Amino acid sequence: MDDVYVEKVCQGDTESFRYFLKKYKDMAFSLSVSILKDEFIAEEVVQESFIKAFNGIKSFNSKSNFRTWFYRIVLNEAFQRRKKIKREFIEFQPEYNEEIVDESILLALDKDEQIHNINEALKMLPDRESVVLRLFYLEEESIKDVCEITGWSESNTKVILHRARKSMLYALNKLIKLNH
C-alpha cells in the first residue's frame, strides 16, 4: 500500500503524504523518544523527519520499503539532534544481582499501569537498547529489518537485544518496587 502513496506523492499529489503521517507518526515518535528521552525534542525530530522524507521521496528507492527508509531517517535525525544539544545522558546501569520481581506482579497491574511502567522502563534504558526493543517487540520487525533500519550488523543487533531484555527486566523490577 505504501508504494501506491509514494507514487501518488511523486506524481504531485502532495495530500497523499498524509497517509504516511497517520501510519508512521506514533512509531516515529516512540523511536525518537528512545534516543532523546525528551518528548518535546522528539516531537520536533519527528516533524523534521517527515519533512525530510517528503522532500526526498522522489529519490526513495522502491526496492526497499518506505517504512524501513523512513525509520532510518528518524533514527539519523534523532542521533544528530542528540549530538547538537550535547546534553549529558545518564546511562542506566543495571545491577543484575538484585532480586527480580515475579512477573505476575506486572500482570496483576491493570493495562494502563502496565503500559505506563513499560514506557517508563524504556525511557530508563540506553538509546540503542530502547530502540531495538521498540522495533523488535512493539513494531514486530524481524532481526533483518532491525539491521536494515538501524544500520547495525546482525550479531551486534542480537547482542544489543539480549542486553536490552535484561535491562528492561531490571528497570521494570525497579519501577514496580518503587510503586508498590
C-alpha atoms as a PDB file:
ATOM      1  CA  MET A   1       0.000   0.000   0.000  1.00  0.00           C
ATOM      2  CA  ASP A   2       2.900   2.365   0.766  1.00  0.00           C
ATOM      3  CA  ASP A   3       4.100   2.056  -2.851  1.00  0.00           C
ATOM      4  CA  VAL A   4       0.787   3.414  -4.141  1.00  0.00           C
ATOM      5  CA  TYR A   5       1.088   6.515  -1.963  1.00  0.00           C
ATOM      6  CA  VAL A   6       4.770   7.003  -2.792  1.00  0.00           C
ATOM      7  CA  GLU A   7       3.787   7.018  -6.461  1.00  0.00           C
ATOM      8  CA  LYS A   8       0.922   9.472  -5.846  1.00  0.00           C
ATOM      9  CA  VAL A   9       3.198  11.897  -3.965  1.00  0.00           C
ATOM     10  CA  CYS A  10       5.879  11.622  -6.660  1.00  0.00           C
ATOM     11  CA  GLN A  11       3.258  12.496  -9.275  1.00  0.00           C
ATOM     12  CA  GLY A  12       2.423  15.723  -7.434  1.00  0.00           C
ATOM     13  CA  ASP A  13      -0.465  14.644  -5.159  1.00  0.00           C
ATOM     14  CA  THR A  14       1.052  16.139  -2.007  1.00  0.00           C
ATOM     15  CA  GLU A  15      -2.106  15.474   0.034  1.00  0.00           C
ATOM     16  CA  SER A  16      -1.398  11.740  -0.262  1.00  0.00           C
ATOM     17  CA  PHE A  17       1.567  12.223   2.080  1.00  0.00           C
ATOM     18  CA  ARG A  18      -0.968  12.430   4.944  1.00  0.00           C
ATOM     19  CA  TYR A  19      -1.233   8.642   4.665  1.00  0.00           C
ATOM     20  CA  PHE A  20       2.371   8.338   5.876  1.00  0.00           C
ATOM     21  CA  LEU A  21       1.810  10.877   8.652  1.00  0.00           C
ATOM     22  CA  LYS A  22      -1.094   8.868  10.049  1.00  0.00           C
ATOM     23  CA  LYS A  23       0.545   5.488   9.613  1.00  0.00           C
ATOM     24  CA  TYR A  24       4.050   6.193  10.962  1.00  0.00           C
ATOM     25  CA  LYS A  25       3.806   9.136  13.379  1.00  0.00           C
ATOM     26  CA  ASP A  26       3.391   7.079  16.571  1.00  0.00           C
ATOM     27  CA  MET A  27       6.299   4.715  15.994  1.00  0.00           C
ATOM     28  CA  ALA A  28       8.477   7.568  14.731  1.00  0.00           C
ATOM     29  CA  PHE A  29       7.778   9.410  17.978  1.00  0.00           C
ATOM     30  CA  SER A  30       8.481   6.289  20.016  1.00  0.00           C
ATOM     31  CA  LEU A  31      11.844   5.742  18.299  1.00  0.00           C
ATOM     32  CA  SER A  32      12.768   9.395  18.704  1.00  0.00           C
ATOM     33  CA  VAL A  33      11.926   9.380  22.434  1.00  0.00           C
ATOM     34  CA  SER A  34      14.062   6.248  22.806  1.00  0.00           C
ATOM     35  CA  ILE A  35      17.100   8.237  21.812  1.00  0.00           C
ATOM     36  CA  LEU A  36      16.348  11.729  23.082  1.00  0.00           C
ATOM     37  CA  LYS A  37      14.455  10.958  26.322  1.00  0.00           C
ATOM     38  CA  ASP A  38      12.605  14.246  25.871  1.00  0.00           C
ATOM     39  CA  GLU A  39       9.114  14.262  24.356  1.00  0.00           C
ATOM     40  CA  PHE A  40       9.214  17.872  23.141  1.00  0.00           C
ATOM     41  CA  ILE A  41      12.509  17.450  21.283  1.00  0.00           C
ATOM     42  CA  ALA A  42      11.354  14.044  19.995  1.00  0.00           C
ATOM     43  CA  GLU A  43       8.260  15.675  18.502  1.00  0.00           C
ATOM     44  CA  GLU A  44      10.443  18.228  16.698  1.00  0.00           C
ATOM     45  CA  VAL A  45      12.626  15.438  15.328  1.00  0.00           C
ATOM     46  CA  VAL A  46       9.573  13.562  14.028  1.00  0.00           C
ATOM     47  CA  GLN A  47       8.370  16.698  12.242  1.00  0.00           C
ATOM     48  CA  GLU A  48      11.820  17.248  10.726  1.00  0.00           C
ATOM     49  CA  SER A  49      11.940  13.590   9.665  1.00  0.00           C
ATOM     50  CA  PHE A  50       8.607  13.823   7.876  1.00  0.00           C
ATOM     51  CA  ILE A  51       9.757  16.987   6.090  1.00  0.00           C
ATOM     52  CA  LYS A  52      12.987  15.268   5.071  1.00  0.00           C
ATOM     53  CA  ALA A  53      11.062  12.210   3.848  1.00  0.00           C
ATOM     54  CA  PHE A  54       8.625  14.392   1.885  1.00  0.00           C
ATOM     55  CA  ASN A  55      11.436  16.356   0.262  1.00  0.00           C
ATOM     56  CA  GLY A  56      13.398  13.195  -0.527  1.00  0.00           C
ATOM     57  CA  ILE A  57      10.566  10.908  -1.598  1.00  0.00           C
ATOM     58  CA  LYS A  58      11.448  11.197  -5.302  1.00  0.00           C
ATOM     59  CA  SER A  59      14.883   9.746  -4.547  1.00  0.00           C
ATOM     60  CA  PHE A  60      13.340   6.914  -2.499  1.00  0.00           C
ATOM     61  CA  ASN A  61      14.428   3.537  -3.848  1.00  0.00           C
ATOM     62  CA  SER A  62      11.336   1.362  -4.168  1.00  0.00           C
ATOM     63  CA  LYS A  63      13.452  -1.770  -3.788  1.00  0.00           C
ATOM     64  CA  SER A  64      13.349  -1.274  -0.022  1.00  0.00           C
ATOM     65  CA  ASN A  65      10.114  -0.468   1.764  1.00  0.00           C
ATOM     66  CA  PHE A  66       9.065   3.008   2.797  1.00  0.00           C
ATOM     67  CA  ARG A  67       8.739   2.079   6.490  1.00  0.00           C
ATOM     68  CA  THR A  68      12.376   0.971   6.711  1.00  0.00           C
ATOM     69  CA  TRP A  69      13.589   4.016   4.795  1.00  0.00           C
ATOM     70  CA  PHE A  70      11.566   6.413   6.930  1.00  0.00           C
ATOM     71  CA  TYR A  71      12.532   4.879  10.296  1.00  0.00           C
ATOM     72  CA  ARG A  72      16.172   5.167   9.255  1.00  0.00           C
ATOM     73  CA  ILE A  73      15.606   8.903   8.646  1.00  0.00           C
ATOM     74  CA  VAL A  74      14.014   9.231  12.111  1.00  0.00           C
ATOM     75  CA  LEU A  75      16.916   7.462  13.830  1.00  0.00           C
ATOM     76  CA  ASN A  76      19.513   9.527  11.965  1.00  0.00           C
ATOM     77  CA  GLU A  77      17.703  12.774  12.809  1.00  0.00           C
ATOM     78  CA  ALA A  78      17.391  11.799  16.478  1.00  0.00           C
ATOM     79  CA  PHE A  79      21.068  10.865  16.792  1.00  0.00           C
ATOM     80  CA  GLN A  80      22.088  14.105  15.061  1.00  0.00           C
ATOM     81  CA  ARG A  81      19.870  16.152  17.374  1.00  0.00           C
ATOM     82  CA  ARG A  82      21.333  14.444  20.414  1.00  0.00           C
ATOM     83  CA  LYS A  83      24.819  15.390  19.254  1.00  0.00           C
ATOM     84  CA  LYS A  84      23.723  19.003  18.687  1.00  0.00           C
ATOM     85  CA  ILE A  85      22.243  19.520  22.126  1.00  0.00           C
ATOM     86  CA  LYS A  86      25.333  17.987  23.750  1.00  0.00           C
ATOM     87  CA  ARG A  87      23.235  17.018  26.684  1.00  0.00           C
ATOM     88  CA  GLU A  88      24.602  14.637  29.247  1.00  0.00           C
ATOM     89  CA  PHE A  89      22.637  11.436  29.331  1.00  0.00           C
ATOM     90  CA  ILE A  90      22.890   9.393  32.462  1.00  0.00           C
ATOM     91  CA  GLU A  91      23.132   5.888  31.182  1.00  0.00           C
ATOM     92  CA  PHE A  92      21.115   3.329  33.026  1.00  0.00           C
ATOM     93  CA  GLN A  93      23.470   0.761  34.531  1.00  0.00           C
ATOM     94  CA  PRO A  94      21.556  -2.235  35.800  1.00  0.00           C
ATOM     95  CA  GLU A  95      22.739  -4.138  38.825  1.00  0.00           C
ATOM     96  CA  TYR A  96      21.655  -7.609  37.851  1.00  0.00           C
ATOM     97  CA  ASN A  97      22.345  -9.093  41.261  1.00  0.00           C
ATOM     98  CA  GLU A  98      19.125  -7.632  42.705  1.00  0.00           C
ATOM     99  CA  GLU A  99      16.208  -9.927  43.338  1.00  0.00           C
ATOM    100  CA  ILE A 100      13.863  -9.954  40.352  1.00  0.00           C
ATOM    101  CA  VAL A 101      10.179  -9.214  40.892  1.00  0.00           C
ATOM    102  CA  ASP A 102       7.861 -12.031  39.880  1.00  0.00           C
ATOM    103  CA  GLU A 103       6.297 -11.148  36.514  1.00  0.00           C
ATOM    104  CA  SER A 104       2.877 -11.972  37.959  1.00  0.00           C
ATOM    105  CA  ILE A 105       3.109  -8.637  39.815  1.00  0.00           C
ATOM    106  CA  LEU A 106       3.371  -6.826  36.467  1.00  0.00           C
ATOM    107  CA  LEU A 107       0.497  -8.895  35.081  1.00  0.00           C
ATOM    108  CA  ALA A 108      -1.612  -8.049  38.147  1.00  0.00           C
ATOM    109  CA  LEU A 109      -1.452  -4.359  37.239  1.00  0.00           C
ATOM    110  CA  ASP A 110      -4.234  -3.002  35.073  1.00  0.00           C
ATOM    111  CA  LYS A 111      -3.490  -2.411  31.388  1.00  0.00           C
ATOM    112  CA  ASP A 112      -2.838   1.331  31.810  1.00  0.00           C
ATOM    113  CA  GLU A 113      -0.382   0.711  34.666  1.00  0.00           C
ATOM    114  CA  GLN A 114       1.393  -1.964  32.622  1.00  0.00           C
ATOM    115  CA  ILE A 115       1.747   0.387  29.651  1.00  0.00           C
ATOM    116  CA  HIS A 116       2.911   3.234  31.891  1.00  0.00           C
ATOM    117  CA  ASN A 117       5.558   1.050  33.585  1.00  0.00           C
ATOM    118  CA  ILE A 118       6.799  -0.333  30.269  1.00  0.00           C
ATOM    119  CA  ASN A 119       7.111   3.168  28.775  1.00  0.00           C
ATOM    120  CA  GLU A 120       8.888   4.467  31.876  1.00  0.00           C
ATOM    121  CA  ALA A 121      11.257   1.484  31.810  1.00  0.00           C
ATOM    122  CA  LEU A 122      12.018   2.107  28.129  1.00  0.00           C
ATOM    123  CA  LYS A 123      12.955   5.713  28.985  1.00  0.00           C
ATOM    124  CA  MET A 124      15.456   4.414  31.543  1.00  0.00           C
ATOM    125  CA  LEU A 125      17.321   2.274  29.016  1.00  0.00           C
ATOM    126  CA  PRO A 126      20.247   3.381  26.870  1.00  0.00           C
ATOM    127  CA  ASP A 127      19.036   4.593  23.478  1.00  0.00           C
ATOM    128  CA  ARG A 128      20.211   1.602  21.434  1.00  0.00           C
ATOM    129  CA  GLU A 129      18.534  -0.846  23.799  1.00  0.00           C
ATOM    130  CA  SER A 130      15.294   1.113  23.813  1.00  0.00           C
ATOM    131  CA  VAL A 131      15.297   1.374  20.013  1.00  0.00           C
ATOM    132  CA  VAL A 132      15.890  -2.344  19.475  1.00  0.00           C
ATOM    133  CA  LEU A 133      13.131  -3.328  21.922  1.00  0.00           C
ATOM    134  CA  ARG A 134      10.643  -0.933  20.325  1.00  0.00           C
ATOM    135  CA  LEU A 135      11.427  -2.153  16.812  1.00  0.00           C
ATOM    136  CA  PHE A 136      11.575  -5.869  17.621  1.00  0.00           C
ATOM    137  CA  TYR A 137       8.673  -6.165  20.063  1.00  0.00           C
ATOM    138  CA  LEU A 138       6.396  -3.175  19.554  1.00  0.00           C
ATOM    139  CA  GLU A 139       6.798  -2.836  15.788  1.00  0.00           C
ATOM    140  CA  GLU A 140       7.373  -6.608  15.362  1.00  0.00           C
ATOM    141  CA  GLU A 141      10.259  -6.087  12.954  1.00  0.00           C
ATOM    142  CA  SER A 142      12.488  -9.051  12.136  1.00  0.00           C
ATOM    143  CA  ILE A 143      16.171  -9.020  13.123  1.00  0.00           C
ATOM    144  CA  LYS A 144      16.957  -8.465   9.423  1.00  0.00           C
ATOM    145  CA  ASP A 145      14.646  -5.420   9.284  1.00  0.00           C
ATOM    146  CA  VAL A 146      16.051  -4.025  12.537  1.00  0.00           C
ATOM    147  CA  CYS A 147      19.530  -4.277  10.985  1.00  0.00           C
ATOM    148  CA  GLU A 148      18.340  -2.505   7.838  1.00  0.00           C
ATOM    149  CA  ILE A 149      16.642   0.292   9.804  1.00  0.00           C
ATOM    150  CA  THR A 150      19.491   0.869  12.266  1.00  0.00           C
ATOM    151  CA  GLY A 151      22.479   0.029  10.080  1.00  0.00           C
ATOM    152  CA  TRP A 152      23.810  -2.364  12.745  1.00  0.00           C
ATOM    153  CA  SER A 153      25.228  -5.792  11.948  1.00  0.00           C
ATOM    154  CA  GLU A 154      23.107  -8.850  12.744  1.00  0.00           C
ATOM    155  CA  SER A 155      25.433 -10.007  15.518  1.00  0.00           C
ATOM    156  CA  ASN A 156      25.529  -6.526  17.067  1.00  0.00           C
ATOM    157  CA  THR A 157      21.725  -6.305  16.917  1.00  0.00           C
ATOM    158  CA  LYS A 158      21.361  -9.662  18.652  1.00  0.00           C
ATOM    159  CA  VAL A 159      23.809  -8.660  21.400  1.00  0.00           C
ATOM    160  CA  ILE A 160      22.001  -5.348  21.970  1.00  0.00           C
ATOM    161  CA  LEU A 161      18.634  -7.130  22.026  1.00  0.00           C
ATOM    162  CA  HIS A 162      19.900  -9.658  24.573  1.00  0.00           C
ATOM    163  CA  ARG A 163      21.314  -6.895  26.789  1.00  0.00           C
ATOM    164  CA  ALA A 164      18.122  -4.850  26.342  1.00  0.00           C
ATOM    165  CA  ARG A 165      15.926  -7.683  27.583  1.00  0.00           C
ATOM    166  CA  LYS A 166      17.979  -7.927  30.782  1.00  0.00           C
ATOM    167  CA  SER A 167      17.993  -4.161  31.263  1.00  0.00           C
ATOM    168  CA  MET A 168      14.253  -3.971  30.663  1.00  0.00           C
ATOM    169  CA  LEU A 169      13.560  -6.643  33.259  1.00  0.00           C
ATOM    170  CA  TYR A 170      15.764  -4.835  35.746  1.00  0.00           C
ATOM    171  CA  ALA A 171      14.132  -1.454  35.010  1.00  0.00           C
ATOM    172  CA  LEU A 172      10.623  -2.903  35.388  1.00  0.00           C
ATOM    173  CA  ASN A 173      11.711  -4.559  38.613  1.00  0.00           C
ATOM    174  CA  LYS A 174      12.978  -1.233  39.970  1.00  0.00           C
ATOM    175  CA  LEU A 175       9.832   0.678  38.938  1.00  0.00           C
ATOM    176  CA  ILE A 176       7.443  -1.878  40.388  1.00  0.00           C
ATOM    177  CA  LYS A 177       9.341  -1.980  43.685  1.00  0.00           C
ATOM    178  CA  LEU A 178       9.202   1.819  43.876  1.00  0.00           C
ATOM    179  CA  ASN A 179       5.473   1.919  43.203  1.00  0.00           C
ATOM    180  CA  HIS A 180       4.373  -0.969  45.393  1.00  0.00           C
END
